[in-house]
Amino acid sequence: MSARLITLIILVIIILIYVLYNTQPVEVKFLFWETQVSKALITLGSFLAGIILGLIVAKIDQLNKERKKRSLQKQ
């Protein structure tokens, strides 16, 4: 297995342990919306949102680099 996969597996295990130990409900207020959610769901949701945003930013950066590379090759 690659070091990247092992690191990812360890990170996921650490996050799951954290999530399982933090199941207490907390009050969440956002603008006019108010609800109670477990700390586990907030943590997991934040983690997944961070991964998705990171992937989007990386893809945009990759597309910009490819576009610049193509424009340089045409010149």
PDB file of N, CA and C in Angstrom:
ATOM      1  N   MET A   1       0.838  -1.189   0.000  1.00  0.00           N
ATOM      2  CA  MET A   1       0.000   0.000   0.000  1.00  0.00           C
ATOM      3  C   MET A   1       0.881   1.250   0.000  1.00  0.00           C
ATOM      4  N   SER A   2       0.373   2.278  -0.633  1.00  0.00           N
ATOM      5  CA  SER A   2       1.137   3.528  -0.696  1.00  0.00           C
ATOM      6  C   SER A   2       1.007   4.302   0.618  1.00  0.00           C
ATOM      7  N   ALA A   3       1.968   5.167   0.850  1.00  0.00           N
ATOM      8  CA  ALA A   3       1.969   5.977   2.069  1.00  0.00           C
ATOM      9  C   ALA A   3       0.750   6.897   2.114  1.00  0.00           C
ATOM     10  N   ARG A   4       0.315   7.344   0.948  1.00  0.00           N
ATOM     11  CA  ARG A   4      -0.845   8.237   0.885  1.00  0.00           C
ATOM     12  C   ARG A   4      -2.121   7.521   1.345  1.00  0.00           C
ATOM     13  N   LEU A   5      -2.284   6.280   0.924  1.00  0.00           N
ATOM     14  CA  LEU A   5      -3.463   5.502   1.318  1.00  0.00           C
ATOM     15  C   LEU A   5      -3.430   5.189   2.802  1.00  0.00           C
ATOM     16  N   ILE A   6      -2.281   4.835   3.318  1.00  0.00           N
ATOM     17  CA  ILE A   6      -2.152   4.543   4.748  1.00  0.00           C
ATOM     18  C   ILE A   6      -2.466   5.787   5.575  1.00  0.00           C
ATOM     19  N   THR A   7      -1.963   6.933   5.149  1.00  0.00           N
ATOM     20  CA  THR A   7      -2.242   8.188   5.844  1.00  0.00           C
ATOM     21  C   THR A   7      -3.728   8.501   5.829  1.00  0.00           C
ATOM     22  N   LEU A   8      -4.372   8.285   4.694  1.00  0.00           N
ATOM     23  CA  LEU A   8      -5.806   8.530   4.581  1.00  0.00           C
ATOM     24  C   LEU A   8      -6.594   7.604   5.505  1.00  0.00           C
ATOM     25  N   ILE A   9      -6.216   6.338   5.546  1.00  0.00           N
ATOM     26  CA  ILE A   9      -6.905   5.373   6.417  1.00  0.00           C
ATOM     27  C   ILE A   9      -6.750   5.776   7.881  1.00  0.00           C
ATOM     28  N   ILE A  10      -5.548   6.158   8.291  1.00  0.00           N
ATOM     29  CA  ILE A  10      -5.322   6.584   9.675  1.00  0.00           C
ATOM     30  C   ILE A  10      -6.137   7.831   9.993  1.00  0.00           C
ATOM     31  N   LEU A  11      -6.179   8.782   9.071  1.00  0.00           N
ATOM     32  CA  LEU A  11      -6.959  10.002   9.279  1.00  0.00           C
ATOM     33  C   LEU A  11      -8.447   9.690   9.438  1.00  0.00           C
ATOM     34  N   VAL A  12      -8.960   8.817   8.609  1.00  0.00           N
ATOM     35  CA  VAL A  12     -10.380   8.447   8.695  1.00  0.00           C
ATOM     36  C   VAL A  12     -10.663   7.747  10.017  1.00  0.00           C
ATOM     37  N   ILE A  13      -9.775   6.873  10.465  1.00  0.00           N
ATOM     38  CA  ILE A  13      -9.974   6.177  11.743  1.00  0.00           C
ATOM     39  C   ILE A  13      -9.977   7.172  12.896  1.00  0.00           C
ATOM     40  N   ILE A  14      -9.056   8.129  12.890  1.00  0.00           N
ATOM     41  CA  ILE A  14      -9.009   9.145  13.948  1.00  0.00           C
ATOM     42  C   ILE A  14     -10.293   9.969  13.955  1.00  0.00           C
ATOM     43  N   ILE A  15     -10.769  10.347  12.800  1.00  0.00           N
ATOM     44  CA  ILE A  15     -12.008  11.134  12.720  1.00  0.00           C
ATOM     45  C   ILE A  15     -13.197  10.314  13.206  1.00  0.00           C
ATOM     46  N   LEU A  16     -13.268   9.052  12.828  1.00  0.00           N
ATOM     47  CA  LEU A  16     -14.370   8.201  13.289  1.00  0.00           C
ATOM     48  C   LEU A  16     -14.352   8.027  14.802  1.00  0.00           C
ATOM     49  N   ILE A  17     -13.172   7.856  15.377  1.00  0.00           N
ATOM     50  CA  ILE A  17     -13.086   7.746  16.839  1.00  0.00           C
ATOM     51  C   ILE A  17     -13.581   9.022  17.488  1.00  0.00           C
ATOM     52  N   TYR A  18     -13.142  10.167  16.967  1.00  0.00           N
ATOM     53  CA  TYR A  18     -13.593  11.457  17.501  1.00  0.00           C
ATOM     54  C   TYR A  18     -15.110  11.594  17.397  1.00  0.00           C
ATOM     55  N   VAL A  19     -15.648  11.226  16.260  1.00  0.00           N
ATOM     56  CA  VAL A  19     -17.086  11.334  16.026  1.00  0.00           C
ATOM     57  C   VAL A  19     -17.859  10.431  16.983  1.00  0.00           C
ATOM     58  N   LEU A  20     -17.398   9.226  17.181  1.00  0.00           N
ATOM     59  CA  LEU A  20     -18.102   8.289  18.056  1.00  0.00           C
ATOM     60  C   LEU A  20     -18.075   8.721  19.515  1.00  0.00           C
ATOM     61  N   TYR A  21     -17.056   9.439  19.935  1.00  0.00           N
ATOM     62  CA  TYR A  21     -16.975   9.906  21.318  1.00  0.00           C
ATOM     63  C   TYR A  21     -17.688  11.230  21.543  1.00  0.00           C
ATOM     64  N   ASN A  22     -18.169  11.875  20.516  1.00  0.00           N
ATOM     65  CA  ASN A  22     -18.813  13.183  20.650  1.00  0.00           C
ATOM     66  C   ASN A  22     -20.223  13.149  20.069  1.00  0.00           C
ATOM     67  N   THR A  23     -21.075  12.393  20.722  1.00  0.00           N
ATOM     68  CA  THR A  23     -22.447  12.249  20.223  1.00  0.00           C
ATOM     69  C   THR A  23     -23.443  13.155  20.944  1.00  0.00           C
ATOM     70  N   GLN A  24     -22.979  14.020  21.846  1.00  0.00           N
ATOM     71  CA  GLN A  24     -23.887  14.892  22.572  1.00  0.00           C
ATOM     72  C   GLN A  24     -24.531  15.897  21.618  1.00  0.00           C
ATOM     73  N   PRO A  25     -25.810  16.203  21.853  1.00  0.00           N
ATOM     74  CA  PRO A  25     -26.456  17.205  20.989  1.00  0.00           C
ATOM     75  C   PRO A  25     -26.003  18.617  21.355  1.00  0.00           C
ATOM     76  N   VAL A  26     -25.845  19.451  20.338  1.00  0.00           N
ATOM     77  CA  VAL A  26     -25.510  20.865  20.536  1.00  0.00           C
ATOM     78  C   VAL A  26     -26.489  21.697  19.720  1.00  0.00           C
ATOM     79  N   GLU A  27     -26.701  22.921  20.174  1.00  0.00           N
ATOM     80  CA  GLU A  27     -27.622  23.814  19.475  1.00  0.00           C
ATOM     81  C   GLU A  27     -26.868  24.556  18.373  1.00  0.00           C
ATOM     82  N   VAL A  28     -27.447  24.549  17.187  1.00  0.00           N
ATOM     83  CA  VAL A  28     -26.842  25.218  16.037  1.00  0.00           C
ATOM     84  C   VAL A  28     -27.783  26.326  15.589  1.00  0.00           C
ATOM     85  N   LYS A  29     -27.234  27.537  15.489  1.00  0.00           N
ATOM     86  CA  LYS A  29     -28.020  28.686  15.016  1.00  0.00           C
ATOM     87  C   LYS A  29     -27.340  29.227  13.775  1.00  0.00           C
ATOM     88  N   PHE A  30     -28.113  29.376  12.708  1.00  0.00           N
ATOM     89  CA  PHE A  30     -27.600  29.937  11.461  1.00  0.00           C
ATOM     90  C   PHE A  30     -28.681  30.812  10.861  1.00  0.00           C
ATOM     91  N   LEU A  31     -28.410  32.122  10.807  1.00  0.00           N
ATOM     92  CA  LEU A  31     -29.372  33.124  10.349  1.00  0.00           C
ATOM     93  C   LEU A  31     -30.678  32.965  11.112  1.00  0.00           C
ATOM     94  N   PHE A  32     -31.750  32.552  10.448  1.00  0.00           N
ATOM     95  CA  PHE A  32     -33.042  32.404  11.112  1.00  0.00           C
ATOM     96  C   PHE A  32     -33.356  30.956  11.430  1.00  0.00           C
ATOM     97  N   TRP A  33     -32.386  30.091  11.264  1.00  0.00           N
ATOM     98  CA  TRP A  33     -32.563  28.660  11.423  1.00  0.00           C
ATOM     99  C   TRP A  33     -31.916  28.218  12.717  1.00  0.00           C
ATOM    100  N   GLU A  34     -32.594  27.365  13.481  1.00  0.00           N
ATOM    101  CA  GLU A  34     -32.084  26.913  14.769  1.00  0.00           C
ATOM    102  C   GLU A  34     -32.491  25.459  14.962  1.00  0.00           C
ATOM    103  N   THR A  35     -31.512  24.617  15.343  1.00  0.00           N
ATOM    104  CA  THR A  35     -31.803  23.203  15.547  1.00  0.00           C
ATOM    105  C   THR A  35     -30.788  22.592  16.493  1.00  0.00           C
ATOM    106  N   GLN A  36     -31.031  21.375  16.904  1.00  0.00           N
ATOM    107  CA  GLN A  36     -30.066  20.635  17.715  1.00  0.00           C
ATOM    108  C   GLN A  36     -29.553  19.460  16.899  1.00  0.00           C
ATOM    109  N   VAL A  37     -28.241  19.340  16.869  1.00  0.00           N
ATOM    110  CA  VAL A  37     -27.581  18.300  16.086  1.00  0.00           C
ATOM    111  C   VAL A  37     -26.456  17.727  16.945  1.00  0.00           C
ATOM    112  N   SER A  38     -26.129  16.468  16.746  1.00  0.00           N
ATOM    113  CA  SER A  38     -25.031  15.893  17.511  1.00  0.00           C
ATOM    114  C   SER A  38     -23.694  16.449  17.029  1.00  0.00           C
ATOM    115  N   LYS A  39     -22.741  16.518  17.941  1.00  0.00           N
ATOM    116  CA  LYS A  39     -21.401  16.998  17.589  1.00  0.00           C
ATOM    117  C   LYS A  39     -20.810  16.121  16.489  1.00  0.00           C
ATOM    118  N   ALA A  40     -21.170  14.855  16.494  1.00  0.00           N
ATOM    119  CA  ALA A  40     -20.640  13.925  15.494  1.00  0.00           C
ATOM    120  C   ALA A  40     -21.037  14.352  14.086  1.00  0.00           C
ATOM    121  N   LEU A  41     -22.297  14.711  13.888  1.00  0.00           N
ATOM    122  CA  LEU A  41     -22.751  15.117  12.563  1.00  0.00           C
ATOM    123  C   LEU A  41     -22.123  16.438  12.124  1.00  0.00           C
ATOM    124  N   ILE A  42     -21.954  17.361  13.065  1.00  0.00           N
ATOM    125  CA  ILE A  42     -21.323  18.637  12.724  1.00  0.00           C
ATOM    126  C   ILE A  42     -19.876  18.409  12.309  1.00  0.00           C
ATOM    127  N   THR A  43     -19.166  17.588  13.066  1.00  0.00           N
ATOM    128  CA  THR A  43     -17.763  17.303  12.758  1.00  0.00           C
ATOM    129  C   THR A  43     -17.633  16.599  11.416  1.00  0.00           C
ATOM    130  N   LEU A  44     -18.431  15.578  11.219  1.00  0.00           N
ATOM    131  CA  LEU A  44     -18.368  14.825   9.966  1.00  0.00           C
ATOM    132  C   LEU A  44     -18.765  15.699   8.780  1.00  0.00           C
ATOM    133  N   GLY A  45     -19.792  16.522   8.952  1.00  0.00           N
ATOM    134  CA  GLY A  45     -20.217  17.423   7.882  1.00  0.00           C
ATOM    135  C   GLY A  45     -19.149  18.447   7.537  1.00  0.00           C
ATOM    136  N   SER A  46     -18.500  18.992   8.553  1.00  0.00           N
ATOM    137  CA  SER A  46     -17.427  19.958   8.312  1.00  0.00           C
ATOM    138  C   SER A  46     -16.251  19.305   7.599  1.00  0.00           C
ATOM    139  N   PHE A  47     -15.916  18.100   8.003  1.00  0.00           N
ATOM    140  CA  PHE A  47     -14.812  17.367   7.372  1.00  0.00           C
ATOM    141  C   PHE A  47     -15.114  17.100   5.900  1.00  0.00           C
ATOM    142  N   LEU A  48     -16.310  16.629   5.629  1.00  0.00           N
ATOM    143  CA  LEU A  48     -16.688  16.334   4.240  1.00  0.00           C
ATOM    144  C   LEU A  48     -16.764  17.603   3.398  1.00  0.00           C
ATOM    145  N   ALA A  49     -17.274  18.684   3.974  1.00  0.00           N
ATOM    146  CA  ALA A  49     -17.323  19.958   3.243  1.00  0.00           C
ATOM    147  C   ALA A  49     -15.908  20.445   2.919  1.00  0.00           C
ATOM    148  N   GLY A  50     -14.985  20.270   3.846  1.00  0.00           N
ATOM    149  CA  GLY A  50     -13.599  20.654   3.603  1.00  0.00           C
ATOM    150  C   GLY A  50     -12.961  19.844   2.494  1.00  0.00           C
ATOM    151  N   ILE A  51     -13.246  18.545   2.485  1.00  0.00           N
ATOM    152  CA  ILE A  51     -12.713  17.686   1.418  1.00  0.00           C
ATOM    153  C   ILE A  51     -13.276  18.116   0.066  1.00  0.00           C
ATOM    154  N   ILE A  52     -14.568  18.343   0.003  1.00  0.00           N
ATOM    155  CA  ILE A  52     -15.205  18.726  -1.260  1.00  0.00           C
ATOM    156  C   ILE A  52     -14.663  20.073  -1.753  1.00  0.00           C
ATOM    157  N   LEU A  53     -14.565  21.043  -0.857  1.00  0.00           N
ATOM    158  CA  LEU A  53     -14.028  22.354  -1.253  1.00  0.00           C
ATOM    159  C   LEU A  53     -12.573  22.254  -1.696  1.00  0.00           C
ATOM    160  N   GLY A  54     -11.792  21.439  -1.006  1.00  0.00           N
ATOM    161  CA  GLY A  54     -10.402  21.239  -1.396  1.00  0.00           C
ATOM    162  C   GLY A  54     -10.282  20.620  -2.776  1.00  0.00           C
ATOM    163  N   LEU A  55     -11.128  19.636  -3.067  1.00  0.00           N
ATOM    164  CA  LEU A  55     -11.113  19.009  -4.387  1.00  0.00           C
ATOM    165  C   LEU A  55     -11.523  19.992  -5.484  1.00  0.00           C
ATOM    166  N   ILE A  56     -12.505  20.832  -5.193  1.00  0.00           N
ATOM    167  CA  ILE A  56     -12.945  21.825  -6.177  1.00  0.00           C
ATOM    168  C   ILE A  56     -11.829  22.824  -6.467  1.00  0.00           C
ATOM    169  N   VAL A  57     -11.186  23.321  -5.416  1.00  0.00           N
ATOM    170  CA  VAL A  57     -10.094  24.278  -5.601  1.00  0.00           C
ATOM    171  C   VAL A  57      -8.940  23.632  -6.367  1.00  0.00           C
ATOM    172  N   ALA A  58      -8.603  22.391  -6.037  1.00  0.00           N
ATOM    173  CA  ALA A  58      -7.517  21.695  -6.735  1.00  0.00           C
ATOM    174  C   ALA A  58      -7.848  21.497  -8.210  1.00  0.00           C
ATOM    175  N   LYS A  59      -9.091  21.164  -8.518  1.00  0.00           N
ATOM    176  CA  LYS A  59      -9.503  20.969  -9.907  1.00  0.00           C
ATOM    177  C   LYS A  59      -9.446  22.280 -10.691  1.00  0.00           C
ATOM    178  N   ILE A  60      -9.906  23.360 -10.073  1.00  0.00           N
ATOM    179  CA  ILE A  60      -9.846  24.672 -10.734  1.00  0.00           C
ATOM    180  C   ILE A  60      -8.398  25.053 -11.008  1.00  0.00           C
ATOM    181  N   ASP A  61      -7.517  24.835 -10.033  1.00  0.00           N
ATOM    182  CA  ASP A  61      -6.103  25.137 -10.216  1.00  0.00           C
ATOM    183  C   ASP A  61      -5.502  24.292 -11.339  1.00  0.00           C
ATOM    184  N   GLN A  62      -5.863  23.020 -11.382  1.00  0.00           N
ATOM    185  CA  GLN A  62      -5.365  22.129 -12.430  1.00  0.00           C
ATOM    186  C   GLN A  62      -5.838  22.593 -13.804  1.00  0.00           C
ATOM    187  N   LEU A  63      -7.093  22.985 -13.923  1.00  0.00           N
ATOM    188  CA  LEU A  63      -7.622  23.465 -15.197  1.00  0.00           C
ATOM    189  C   LEU A  63      -6.933  24.754 -15.634  1.00  0.00           C
ATOM    190  N   ASN A  64      -6.660  25.654 -14.686  1.00  0.00           N
ATOM    191  CA  ASN A  64      -5.959  26.897 -15.017  1.00  0.00           C
ATOM    192  C   ASN A  64      -4.544  26.619 -15.506  1.00  0.00           C
ATOM    193  N   LYS A  65      -3.857  25.684 -14.878  1.00  0.00           N
ATOM    194  CA  LYS A  65      -2.501  25.335 -15.307  1.00  0.00           C
ATOM    195  C   LYS A  65      -2.509  24.723 -16.707  1.00  0.00           C
ATOM    196  N   GLU A  66      -3.490  23.862 -16.981  1.00  0.00           N
ATOM    197  CA  GLU A  66      -3.594  23.255 -18.313  1.00  0.00           C
ATOM    198  C   GLU A  66      -3.891  24.319 -19.372  1.00  0.00           C
ATOM    199  N   ARG A  67      -4.745  25.270 -19.037  1.00  0.00           N
ATOM    200  CA  ARG A  67      -5.084  26.344 -19.968  1.00  0.00           C
ATOM    201  C   ARG A  67      -3.855  27.199 -20.273  1.00  0.00           C
ATOM    202  N   LYS A  68      -3.071  27.531 -19.254  1.00  0.00           N
ATOM    203  CA  LYS A  68      -1.852  28.305 -19.462  1.00  0.00           C
ATOM    204  C   LYS A  68      -0.843  27.519 -20.301  1.00  0.00           C
ATOM    205  N   LYS A  69      -0.737  26.228 -20.040  1.00  0.00           N
ATOM    206  CA  LYS A  69       0.194  25.387 -20.784  1.00  0.00           C
ATOM    207  C   LYS A  69      -0.185  25.336 -22.267  1.00  0.00           C
ATOM    208  N   ARG A  70      -1.476  25.207 -22.551  1.00  0.00           N
ATOM    209  CA  ARG A  70      -1.940  25.182 -23.942  1.00  0.00           C
ATOM    210  C   ARG A  70      -1.692  26.515 -24.636  1.00  0.00           C
ATOM    211  N   SER A  71      -1.918  27.605 -23.927  1.00  0.00           N
ATOM    212  CA  SER A  71      -1.698  28.915 -24.550  1.00  0.00           C
ATOM    213  C   SER A  71      -0.222  29.154 -24.846  1.00  0.00           C
ATOM    214  N   LEU A  72       0.662  28.652 -23.974  1.00  0.00           N
ATOM    215  CA  LEU A  72       2.096  28.780 -24.221  1.00  0.00           C
ATOM    216  C   LEU A  72       2.545  27.907 -25.391  1.00  0.00           C
ATOM    217  N   GLN A  73       1.918  26.752 -25.541  1.00  0.00           N
ATOM    218  CA  GLN A  73       2.279  25.857 -26.649  1.00  0.00           C
ATOM    219  C   GLN A  73       1.835  26.442 -27.997  1.00  0.00           C
ATOM    220  N   LYS A  74       0.741  27.185 -28.014  1.00  0.00           N
ATOM    221  CA  LYS A  74       0.262  27.795 -29.270  1.00  0.00           C
ATOM    222  C   LYS A  74       1.172  28.921 -29.719  1.00  0.00           C
ATOM    223  N   GLN A  75       1.857  29.543 -28.793  1.00  0.00           N
ATOM    224  CA  GLN A  75       2.712  30.684 -29.148  1.00  0.00           C
ATOM    225  C   GLN A  75       3.999  30.217 -29.663  1.00  0.00           C
TER     226      GLN A  75
END
